[in-house]
C-alpha cells in the first residue's frame, strides 16, 4: 500500500525556489505534482504545502497482492467527465431523482426515478467505465463492457439519454447497482450530523484501508447504507466482489479506482 499525494498550487518565484531546493521542478503558474509519503522529502514537502496553502489530495494505491487477497473491494469511477443534465441550477435533481426525502443541506435521501441525461462525449467510450461530476455512487459503462463483463455477473442496466433530444444512447448504459442496509465499522471516523434533517454522514475515505464492512452479501456489486460526503454532497460507497473486479481486469476495462477494506 502506498499513500500518494497530489499537490496543486499557484507557483510564483518563491514557490518555485522552495520546491526546487528539494528537487521538485515546477513551472510558474498553476502546477501539480505527485509525491509518495515514503519519499524522504515528504516531511519537508508537507511543511511547504502548509506554508504555501497548497491543495493536497491523498490517495491510496494498493498492491496487486493486497487486491488479490481481499474479500471485498470499494470501487469508484476514477474519472468524472461531464455533468448530469440539466446542469443549470442543478436542474437534474428533480428530473432524475425522487427528491421527496432529499435534504438540500446535506444531500442525503435522493432516490433515482429516471434515466440520467448527459451530453455525448466520445472520450467516454475509451475509458469503458466513467462517472459524472456531482454523482459519486453510480457507474456508467460502454454497452459492450456491460454485455461482456457485468451482465454475466447478474448486473442489470439502466438507459442513458442524450441531454437535448432525450433519445436513448446506444453506446453507454448505467449499471443498476442495488442498495443494501449493510454498514461499516465507522468508529473514530470523522462524521457530521445534519442540523436540518438529523442524518449522519462520514467524511470521504481516501487514505489507507476503507472501513470494515459489517456483514456481507453475495451481490457482485452493491451500495452500502452509510452516506459519505461533505457540504451538500452525499453518496454511498460501492462494494464489489473480487470475482467481478478480476473479470473487469481480464477484459482490460479501464476507469475504476479501488480500495481494500480493513481486515481483508
C-alpha atoms as a PDB file:
ATOM      1  CA  UNK A   1       0.000   0.000   0.000  1.00  0.00           C
ATOM      2  CA  UNK A   2       1.297   3.430  -0.973  1.00  0.00           C
ATOM      3  CA  UNK A   3      -0.078   6.807   0.110  1.00  0.00           C
ATOM      4  CA  UNK A   4       0.273   9.253  -2.773  1.00  0.00           C
ATOM      5  CA  UNK A   5      -0.288  12.996  -2.505  1.00  0.00           C
ATOM      6  CA  UNK A   6      -1.371  15.077  -5.481  1.00  0.00           C
ATOM      7  CA  UNK A   7      -0.217  18.609  -4.679  1.00  0.00           C
ATOM      8  CA  UNK A   8      -1.597  21.575  -6.639  1.00  0.00           C
ATOM      9  CA  UNK A   9      -0.735  25.229  -6.217  1.00  0.00           C
ATOM     10  CA  UNK A  10      -0.167  28.542  -7.927  1.00  0.00           C
ATOM     11  CA  UNK A  11       3.588  28.838  -8.440  1.00  0.00           C
ATOM     12  CA  UNK A  12       5.467  32.122  -8.297  1.00  0.00           C
ATOM     13  CA  UNK A  13       9.189  32.726  -7.739  1.00  0.00           C
ATOM     14  CA  UNK A  14       9.111  31.827  -4.031  1.00  0.00           C
ATOM     15  CA  UNK A  15       7.277  28.531  -4.531  1.00  0.00           C
ATOM     16  CA  UNK A  16       9.488  27.594  -7.465  1.00  0.00           C
ATOM     17  CA  UNK A  17      12.641  28.197  -5.419  1.00  0.00           C
ATOM     18  CA  UNK A  18      11.410  26.382  -2.303  1.00  0.00           C
ATOM     19  CA  UNK A  19      10.266  23.228  -4.090  1.00  0.00           C
ATOM     20  CA  UNK A  20      13.218  23.369  -6.464  1.00  0.00           C
ATOM     21  CA  UNK A  21      15.574  23.147  -3.485  1.00  0.00           C
ATOM     22  CA  UNK A  22      14.022  19.724  -2.801  1.00  0.00           C
ATOM     23  CA  UNK A  23      14.481  18.601  -6.392  1.00  0.00           C
ATOM     24  CA  UNK A  24      10.860  19.246  -7.406  1.00  0.00           C
ATOM     25  CA  UNK A  25      10.926  21.408 -10.526  1.00  0.00           C
ATOM     26  CA  UNK A  26       7.764  23.447 -11.075  1.00  0.00           C
ATOM     27  CA  UNK A  27       6.843  25.910 -13.794  1.00  0.00           C
ATOM     28  CA  UNK A  28       5.417  29.249 -12.751  1.00  0.00           C
ATOM     29  CA  UNK A  29       1.652  29.422 -12.916  1.00  0.00           C
ATOM     30  CA  UNK A  30      -0.709  26.716 -11.758  1.00  0.00           C
ATOM     31  CA  UNK A  31       1.142  23.421 -11.316  1.00  0.00           C
ATOM     32  CA  UNK A  32       0.647  19.944  -9.832  1.00  0.00           C
ATOM     33  CA  UNK A  33       2.887  17.062  -8.835  1.00  0.00           C
ATOM     34  CA  UNK A  34       2.638  13.689  -7.097  1.00  0.00           C
ATOM     35  CA  UNK A  35       4.726  12.520  -4.166  1.00  0.00           C
ATOM     36  CA  UNK A  36       4.596   9.392  -2.006  1.00  0.00           C
ATOM     37  CA  UNK A  37       4.641   9.589   1.772  1.00  0.00           C
ATOM     38  CA  UNK A  38       7.539   7.125   1.711  1.00  0.00           C
ATOM     39  CA  UNK A  39       9.652   9.720  -0.130  1.00  0.00           C
ATOM     40  CA  UNK A  40      12.301  11.032   2.305  1.00  0.00           C
ATOM     41  CA  UNK A  41      11.429  14.570   1.186  1.00  0.00           C
ATOM     42  CA  UNK A  42       7.815  14.229   2.295  1.00  0.00           C
ATOM     43  CA  UNK A  43       8.152  15.883   5.760  1.00  0.00           C
ATOM     44  CA  UNK A  44       9.699  18.979   4.177  1.00  0.00           C
ATOM     45  CA  UNK A  45       7.173  18.973   1.335  1.00  0.00           C
ATOM     46  CA  UNK A  46       4.343  18.742   3.883  1.00  0.00           C
ATOM     47  CA  UNK A  47       5.677  21.878   5.596  1.00  0.00           C
ATOM     48  CA  UNK A  48       5.767  23.722   2.268  1.00  0.00           C
ATOM     49  CA  UNK A  49       2.227  22.594   1.456  1.00  0.00           C
ATOM     50  CA  UNK A  50       1.015  24.128   4.707  1.00  0.00           C
ATOM     51  CA  UNK A  51       3.106  27.258   4.308  1.00  0.00           C
ATOM     52  CA  UNK A  52       2.004  27.956   0.748  1.00  0.00           C
ATOM     53  CA  UNK A  53      -1.574  26.745   1.379  1.00  0.00           C
ATOM     54  CA  UNK A  54      -1.389  24.277  -1.488  1.00  0.00           C
ATOM     55  CA  UNK A  55      -4.187  21.816  -2.237  1.00  0.00           C
ATOM     56  CA  UNK A  56      -3.187  18.333  -1.061  1.00  0.00           C
ATOM     57  CA  UNK A  57      -5.300  15.330  -2.086  1.00  0.00           C
ATOM     58  CA  UNK A  58      -4.168  11.972  -0.718  1.00  0.00           C
ATOM     59  CA  UNK A  59      -4.991   8.695  -2.459  1.00  0.00           C
ATOM     60  CA  UNK A  60      -4.045   5.108  -1.737  1.00  0.00           C
ATOM     61  CA  UNK A  61      -2.560   2.678  -4.225  1.00  0.00           C
ATOM     62  CA  UNK A  62      -2.852  -0.948  -3.172  1.00  0.00           C
ATOM     63  CA  UNK A  63      -0.548  -3.684  -4.365  1.00  0.00           C
ATOM     64  CA  UNK A  64      -1.762  -6.411  -6.719  1.00  0.00           C
ATOM     65  CA  UNK A  65      -1.295  -8.907  -3.863  1.00  0.00           C
ATOM     66  CA  UNK A  66      -3.434  -6.859  -1.452  1.00  0.00           C
ATOM     67  CA  UNK A  67      -6.200  -6.606  -4.043  1.00  0.00           C
ATOM     68  CA  UNK A  68      -5.919 -10.286  -4.955  1.00  0.00           C
ATOM     69  CA  UNK A  69      -6.400 -11.426  -1.340  1.00  0.00           C
ATOM     70  CA  UNK A  70      -9.213  -9.009  -0.453  1.00  0.00           C
ATOM     71  CA  UNK A  71     -12.695 -10.373   0.261  1.00  0.00           C
ATOM     72  CA  UNK A  72     -14.416  -7.199  -0.898  1.00  0.00           C
ATOM     73  CA  UNK A  73     -13.286  -4.033  -2.659  1.00  0.00           C
ATOM     74  CA  UNK A  74     -14.549  -0.478  -2.526  1.00  0.00           C
ATOM     75  CA  UNK A  75     -14.648   0.927  -6.039  1.00  0.00           C
ATOM     76  CA  UNK A  76     -15.415   4.238  -7.716  1.00  0.00           C
ATOM     77  CA  UNK A  77     -15.037   5.815 -11.128  1.00  0.00           C
ATOM     78  CA  UNK A  78     -11.533   7.234 -11.314  1.00  0.00           C
ATOM     79  CA  UNK A  79     -12.550   9.847 -13.874  1.00  0.00           C
ATOM     80  CA  UNK A  80     -15.651  12.031 -13.768  1.00  0.00           C
ATOM     81  CA  UNK A  81     -16.422  13.675 -17.080  1.00  0.00           C
ATOM     82  CA  UNK A  82     -19.291  15.987 -17.791  1.00  0.00           C
ATOM     83  CA  UNK A  83     -22.349  16.656 -15.672  1.00  0.00           C
ATOM     84  CA  UNK A  84     -25.831  15.233 -15.283  1.00  0.00           C
ATOM     85  CA  UNK A  85     -28.204  17.385 -17.290  1.00  0.00           C
ATOM     86  CA  UNK A  86     -29.820  19.814 -16.993  1.00  0.00           C
ATOM     87  CA  UNK A  87     -26.842  21.096 -15.021  1.00  0.00           C
ATOM     88  CA  UNK A  88     -28.034  24.716 -14.761  1.00  0.00           C
ATOM     89  CA  UNK A  89     -29.181  25.357 -11.178  1.00  0.00           C
ATOM     90  CA  UNK A  90     -28.837  21.604 -10.519  1.00  0.00           C
ATOM     91  CA  UNK A  91     -31.995  21.015 -12.519  1.00  0.00           C
ATOM     92  CA  UNK A  92     -31.044  17.357 -12.993  1.00  0.00           C
ATOM     93  CA  UNK A  93     -32.048  16.667  -9.388  1.00  0.00           C
ATOM     94  CA  UNK A  94     -35.800  16.917  -9.988  1.00  0.00           C
ATOM     95  CA  UNK A  95     -35.517  15.398 -13.464  1.00  0.00           C
ATOM     96  CA  UNK A  96     -33.526  12.323 -12.410  1.00  0.00           C
ATOM     97  CA  UNK A  97     -34.376  11.803  -8.734  1.00  0.00           C
ATOM     98  CA  UNK A  98     -37.316  11.488  -6.407  1.00  0.00           C
ATOM     99  CA  UNK A  99     -36.486  14.329  -4.033  1.00  0.00           C
ATOM    100  CA  UNK A 100     -39.311  13.760  -1.542  1.00  0.00           C
ATOM    101  CA  UNK A 101     -36.841  12.548   1.102  1.00  0.00           C
ATOM    102  CA  UNK A 102     -33.901  14.676  -0.047  1.00  0.00           C
ATOM    103  CA  UNK A 103     -32.219  17.148   2.287  1.00  0.00           C
ATOM    104  CA  UNK A 104     -30.749  20.108   0.339  1.00  0.00           C
ATOM    105  CA  UNK A 105     -28.499  20.964   3.297  1.00  0.00           C
ATOM    106  CA  UNK A 106     -26.543  17.687   3.442  1.00  0.00           C
ATOM    107  CA  UNK A 107     -27.510  15.953   0.171  1.00  0.00           C
ATOM    108  CA  UNK A 108     -28.872  12.751   1.725  1.00  0.00           C
ATOM    109  CA  UNK A 109     -32.044  10.993   0.591  1.00  0.00           C
ATOM    110  CA  UNK A 110     -32.010  11.076  -3.214  1.00  0.00           C
ATOM    111  CA  UNK A 111     -33.665   8.119  -4.981  1.00  0.00           C
ATOM    112  CA  UNK A 112     -33.255   7.741  -8.737  1.00  0.00           C
ATOM    113  CA  UNK A 113     -36.547   7.744 -10.645  1.00  0.00           C
ATOM    114  CA  UNK A 114     -35.500   8.384 -14.261  1.00  0.00           C
ATOM    115  CA  UNK A 115     -32.509   7.892 -16.591  1.00  0.00           C
ATOM    116  CA  UNK A 116     -29.565  10.247 -16.399  1.00  0.00           C
ATOM    117  CA  UNK A 117     -29.199  12.703 -19.253  1.00  0.00           C
ATOM    118  CA  UNK A 118     -25.693  13.532 -20.457  1.00  0.00           C
ATOM    119  CA  UNK A 119     -24.001  15.455 -23.221  1.00  0.00           C
ATOM    120  CA  UNK A 120     -22.495  12.899 -25.560  1.00  0.00           C
ATOM    121  CA  UNK A 121     -18.693  12.848 -25.371  1.00  0.00           C
ATOM    122  CA  UNK A 122     -16.749  10.343 -27.500  1.00  0.00           C
ATOM    123  CA  UNK A 123     -13.888  10.084 -24.976  1.00  0.00           C
ATOM    124  CA  UNK A 124     -16.183   8.304 -22.533  1.00  0.00           C
ATOM    125  CA  UNK A 125     -16.000   5.195 -24.687  1.00  0.00           C
ATOM    126  CA  UNK A 126     -12.237   4.930 -24.475  1.00  0.00           C
ATOM    127  CA  UNK A 127     -12.348   4.567 -20.699  1.00  0.00           C
ATOM    128  CA  UNK A 128     -15.066   1.886 -20.699  1.00  0.00           C
ATOM    129  CA  UNK A 129     -16.130   2.972 -17.181  1.00  0.00           C
ATOM    130  CA  UNK A 130     -16.768   6.587 -16.187  1.00  0.00           C
ATOM    131  CA  UNK A 131     -18.594   8.747 -13.688  1.00  0.00           C
ATOM    132  CA  UNK A 132     -20.355  12.105 -13.787  1.00  0.00           C
ATOM    133  CA  UNK A 133     -19.391  15.128 -11.769  1.00  0.00           C
ATOM    134  CA  UNK A 134     -21.640  15.574  -8.693  1.00  0.00           C
ATOM    135  CA  UNK A 135     -22.616  11.875  -8.860  1.00  0.00           C
ATOM    136  CA  UNK A 136     -20.200   9.667  -6.940  1.00  0.00           C
ATOM    137  CA  UNK A 137     -22.141   6.441  -6.377  1.00  0.00           C
ATOM    138  CA  UNK A 138     -23.085   5.498  -9.922  1.00  0.00           C
ATOM    139  CA  UNK A 139     -21.054   3.858 -12.688  1.00  0.00           C
ATOM    140  CA  UNK A 140     -21.556   4.315 -16.417  1.00  0.00           C
ATOM    141  CA  UNK A 141     -20.060   1.802 -18.828  1.00  0.00           C
ATOM    142  CA  UNK A 142     -19.886   1.140 -22.523  1.00  0.00           C
ATOM    143  CA  UNK A 143     -22.682  -1.110 -23.777  1.00  0.00           C
ATOM    144  CA  UNK A 144     -20.031  -3.608 -24.871  1.00  0.00           C
ATOM    145  CA  UNK A 145     -18.482  -3.688 -21.391  1.00  0.00           C
ATOM    146  CA  UNK A 146     -21.897  -4.335 -19.828  1.00  0.00           C
ATOM    147  CA  UNK A 147     -22.563  -7.281 -22.154  1.00  0.00           C
ATOM    148  CA  UNK A 148     -19.081  -8.738 -21.790  1.00  0.00           C
ATOM    149  CA  UNK A 149     -18.438  -8.303 -18.060  1.00  0.00           C
ATOM    150  CA  UNK A 150     -21.322  -7.043 -15.957  1.00  0.00           C
ATOM    151  CA  UNK A 151     -24.328  -8.833 -17.462  1.00  0.00           C
ATOM    152  CA  UNK A 152     -22.798 -12.322 -16.921  1.00  0.00           C
ATOM    153  CA  UNK A 153     -22.438 -11.430 -13.214  1.00  0.00           C
ATOM    154  CA  UNK A 154     -26.114 -10.549 -12.922  1.00  0.00           C
ATOM    155  CA  UNK A 155     -25.872  -6.743 -13.098  1.00  0.00           C
ATOM    156  CA  UNK A 156     -28.836  -5.058 -14.731  1.00  0.00           C
ATOM    157  CA  UNK A 157     -28.583  -1.826 -16.710  1.00  0.00           C
ATOM    158  CA  UNK A 158     -30.399   1.480 -16.934  1.00  0.00           C
ATOM    159  CA  UNK A 159     -30.648   3.526 -20.121  1.00  0.00           C
ATOM    160  CA  UNK A 160     -28.756   6.801 -20.511  1.00  0.00           C
ATOM    161  CA  UNK A 161     -30.306   9.624 -22.514  1.00  0.00           C
ATOM    162  CA  UNK A 162     -28.759  12.271 -24.708  1.00  0.00           C
ATOM    163  CA  UNK A 163     -29.298  15.594 -22.967  1.00  0.00           C
ATOM    164  CA  UNK A 164     -31.212  17.586 -25.582  1.00  0.00           C
ATOM    165  CA  UNK A 165     -33.149  15.238 -27.870  1.00  0.00           C
ATOM    166  CA  UNK A 166     -33.791  12.905 -24.940  1.00  0.00           C
ATOM    167  CA  UNK A 167     -33.129   9.822 -27.061  1.00  0.00           C
ATOM    168  CA  UNK A 168     -31.575   6.709 -25.579  1.00  0.00           C
ATOM    169  CA  UNK A 169     -27.861   6.410 -26.200  1.00  0.00           C
ATOM    170  CA  UNK A 170     -26.715   3.099 -27.627  1.00  0.00           C
ATOM    171  CA  UNK A 171     -23.028   3.333 -26.686  1.00  0.00           C
ATOM    172  CA  UNK A 172     -23.402   3.806 -22.918  1.00  0.00           C
ATOM    173  CA  UNK A 173     -25.501   2.398 -20.104  1.00  0.00           C
ATOM    174  CA  UNK A 174     -25.719   2.978 -16.380  1.00  0.00           C
ATOM    175  CA  UNK A 175     -25.139  -0.001 -14.109  1.00  0.00           C
ATOM    176  CA  UNK A 176     -28.160  -0.677 -11.908  1.00  0.00           C
ATOM    177  CA  UNK A 177     -26.460  -1.058  -8.511  1.00  0.00           C
ATOM    178  CA  UNK A 178     -28.625  -2.493  -5.702  1.00  0.00           C
ATOM    179  CA  UNK A 179     -28.934  -0.577  -2.432  1.00  0.00           C
ATOM    180  CA  UNK A 180     -28.398  -2.607   0.775  1.00  0.00           C
ATOM    181  CA  UNK A 181     -28.689  -1.924   4.500  1.00  0.00           C
ATOM    182  CA  UNK A 182     -25.135  -3.122   5.197  1.00  0.00           C
ATOM    183  CA  UNK A 183     -22.928  -0.704   7.109  1.00  0.00           C
ATOM    184  CA  UNK A 184     -19.297  -0.262   8.106  1.00  0.00           C
ATOM    185  CA  UNK A 185     -17.388  -0.131  11.343  1.00  0.00           C
ATOM    186  CA  UNK A 186     -17.023   3.649  11.399  1.00  0.00           C
ATOM    187  CA  UNK A 187     -15.819   4.037  14.970  1.00  0.00           C
ATOM    188  CA  UNK A 188     -13.455   7.022  15.232  1.00  0.00           C
ATOM    189  CA  UNK A 189     -14.092   8.074  11.622  1.00  0.00           C
ATOM    190  CA  UNK A 190     -14.957  11.789  11.369  1.00  0.00           C
ATOM    191  CA  UNK A 191     -18.626  12.479  10.731  1.00  0.00           C
ATOM    192  CA  UNK A 192     -21.206  15.229  10.891  1.00  0.00           C
ATOM    193  CA  UNK A 193     -24.904  15.199  11.706  1.00  0.00           C
ATOM    194  CA  UNK A 194     -27.110  17.466   9.647  1.00  0.00           C
ATOM    195  CA  UNK A 195     -28.912  20.031  11.837  1.00  0.00           C
ATOM    196  CA  UNK A 196     -31.698  20.195   9.259  1.00  0.00           C
ATOM    197  CA  UNK A 197     -32.649  16.507   8.806  1.00  0.00           C
ATOM    198  CA  UNK A 198     -30.690  14.759  11.579  1.00  0.00           C
ATOM    199  CA  UNK A 199     -28.950  12.286   9.267  1.00  0.00           C
ATOM    200  CA  UNK A 200     -25.272  11.499   9.704  1.00  0.00           C
ATOM    201  CA  UNK A 201     -22.656  11.211   7.001  1.00  0.00           C
ATOM    202  CA  UNK A 202     -18.942  10.489   7.163  1.00  0.00           C
ATOM    203  CA  UNK A 203     -16.005  12.224   5.546  1.00  0.00           C
ATOM    204  CA  UNK A 204     -14.886  10.527   2.303  1.00  0.00           C
ATOM    205  CA  UNK A 205     -12.174   7.930   2.856  1.00  0.00           C
ATOM    206  CA  UNK A 206      -9.182   8.085   0.511  1.00  0.00           C
ATOM    207  CA  UNK A 207      -6.216   7.333   2.735  1.00  0.00           C
ATOM    208  CA  UNK A 208      -5.360   3.820   3.946  1.00  0.00           C
ATOM    209  CA  UNK A 209      -7.813   0.943   4.164  1.00  0.00           C
ATOM    210  CA  UNK A 210     -11.529   1.505   3.654  1.00  0.00           C
ATOM    211  CA  UNK A 211     -13.643   0.846   6.800  1.00  0.00           C
ATOM    212  CA  UNK A 212     -14.511  -2.762   7.590  1.00  0.00           C
ATOM    213  CA  UNK A 213     -17.875  -3.968   6.329  1.00  0.00           C
ATOM    214  CA  UNK A 214     -20.381  -5.196   8.928  1.00  0.00           C
ATOM    215  CA  UNK A 215     -21.686  -8.407   7.435  1.00  0.00           C
ATOM    216  CA  UNK A 216     -21.682  -9.389   3.784  1.00  0.00           C
ATOM    217  CA  UNK A 217     -23.924 -10.435   0.936  1.00  0.00           C
ATOM    218  CA  UNK A 218     -23.489 -12.386  -2.278  1.00  0.00           C
ATOM    219  CA  UNK A 219     -24.173  -9.468  -4.620  1.00  0.00           C
ATOM    220  CA  UNK A 220     -21.290  -8.788  -7.018  1.00  0.00           C
ATOM    221  CA  UNK A 221     -21.751  -5.013  -6.693  1.00  0.00           C
ATOM    222  CA  UNK A 222     -23.857  -3.046  -4.224  1.00  0.00           C
ATOM    223  CA  UNK A 223     -24.273   0.242  -2.393  1.00  0.00           C
ATOM    224  CA  UNK A 224     -23.694   0.185   1.355  1.00  0.00           C
ATOM    225  CA  UNK A 225     -26.082   2.109   3.594  1.00  0.00           C
ATOM    226  CA  UNK A 226     -23.947   4.894   5.155  1.00  0.00           C
ATOM    227  CA  UNK A 227     -23.579   8.241   3.470  1.00  0.00           C
ATOM    228  CA  UNK A 228     -20.177   9.817   2.782  1.00  0.00           C
ATOM    229  CA  UNK A 229     -19.513  13.368   1.629  1.00  0.00           C
ATOM    230  CA  UNK A 230     -19.166  16.992   2.645  1.00  0.00           C
ATOM    231  CA  UNK A 231     -21.279  20.107   2.345  1.00  0.00           C
ATOM    232  CA  UNK A 232     -24.418  19.447   0.291  1.00  0.00           C
ATOM    233  CA  UNK A 233     -22.933  16.330  -1.351  1.00  0.00           C
ATOM    234  CA  UNK A 234     -23.707  12.814  -0.123  1.00  0.00           C
ATOM    235  CA  UNK A 235     -23.070   9.424  -1.685  1.00  0.00           C
ATOM    236  CA  UNK A 236     -22.963   5.732  -0.839  1.00  0.00           C
ATOM    237  CA  UNK A 237     -19.842   3.574  -1.069  1.00  0.00           C
ATOM    238  CA  UNK A 238     -19.811   0.971  -3.864  1.00  0.00           C
ATOM    239  CA  UNK A 239     -18.643  -2.503  -2.846  1.00  0.00           C
ATOM    240  CA  UNK A 240     -17.523  -5.015  -5.477  1.00  0.00           C
ATOM    241  CA  UNK A 241     -16.666  -8.693  -5.309  1.00  0.00           C
ATOM    242  CA  UNK A 242     -13.105  -9.699  -6.255  1.00  0.00           C
ATOM    243  CA  UNK A 243     -14.550 -12.031  -8.910  1.00  0.00           C
ATOM    244  CA  UNK A 244     -16.237  -9.136 -10.719  1.00  0.00           C
ATOM    245  CA  UNK A 245     -13.159  -6.958 -10.380  1.00  0.00           C
ATOM    246  CA  UNK A 246     -10.982  -9.729 -11.838  1.00  0.00           C
ATOM    247  CA  UNK A 247     -13.414 -10.096 -14.735  1.00  0.00           C
ATOM    248  CA  UNK A 248     -13.157  -6.356 -15.428  1.00  0.00           C
ATOM    249  CA  UNK A 249      -9.365  -6.539 -15.275  1.00  0.00           C
ATOM    250  CA  UNK A 250      -9.260  -9.599 -17.535  1.00  0.00           C
ATOM    251  CA  UNK A 251     -11.389  -7.721 -20.089  1.00  0.00           C
ATOM    252  CA  UNK A 252      -8.936  -4.801 -19.778  1.00  0.00           C
ATOM    253  CA  UNK A 253     -11.646  -2.379 -18.712  1.00  0.00           C
ATOM    254  CA  UNK A 254     -10.318   0.955 -17.520  1.00  0.00           C
ATOM    255  CA  UNK A 255     -11.781   3.593 -15.273  1.00  0.00           C
ATOM    256  CA  UNK A 256     -12.041   2.083 -11.763  1.00  0.00           C
ATOM    257  CA  UNK A 257     -10.229   3.160  -8.626  1.00  0.00           C
ATOM    258  CA  UNK A 258     -10.117   0.541  -5.886  1.00  0.00           C
ATOM    259  CA  UNK A 259      -9.569   0.373  -2.129  1.00  0.00           C
ATOM    260  CA  UNK A 260      -9.135  -2.716   0.047  1.00  0.00           C
ATOM    261  CA  UNK A 261     -11.429  -2.945   3.068  1.00  0.00           C
ATOM    262  CA  UNK A 262      -9.890  -3.004   6.541  1.00  0.00           C
ATOM    263  CA  UNK A 263      -9.424  -6.535   7.824  1.00  0.00           C
ATOM    264  CA  UNK A 264      -9.392  -8.130   4.377  1.00  0.00           C
END
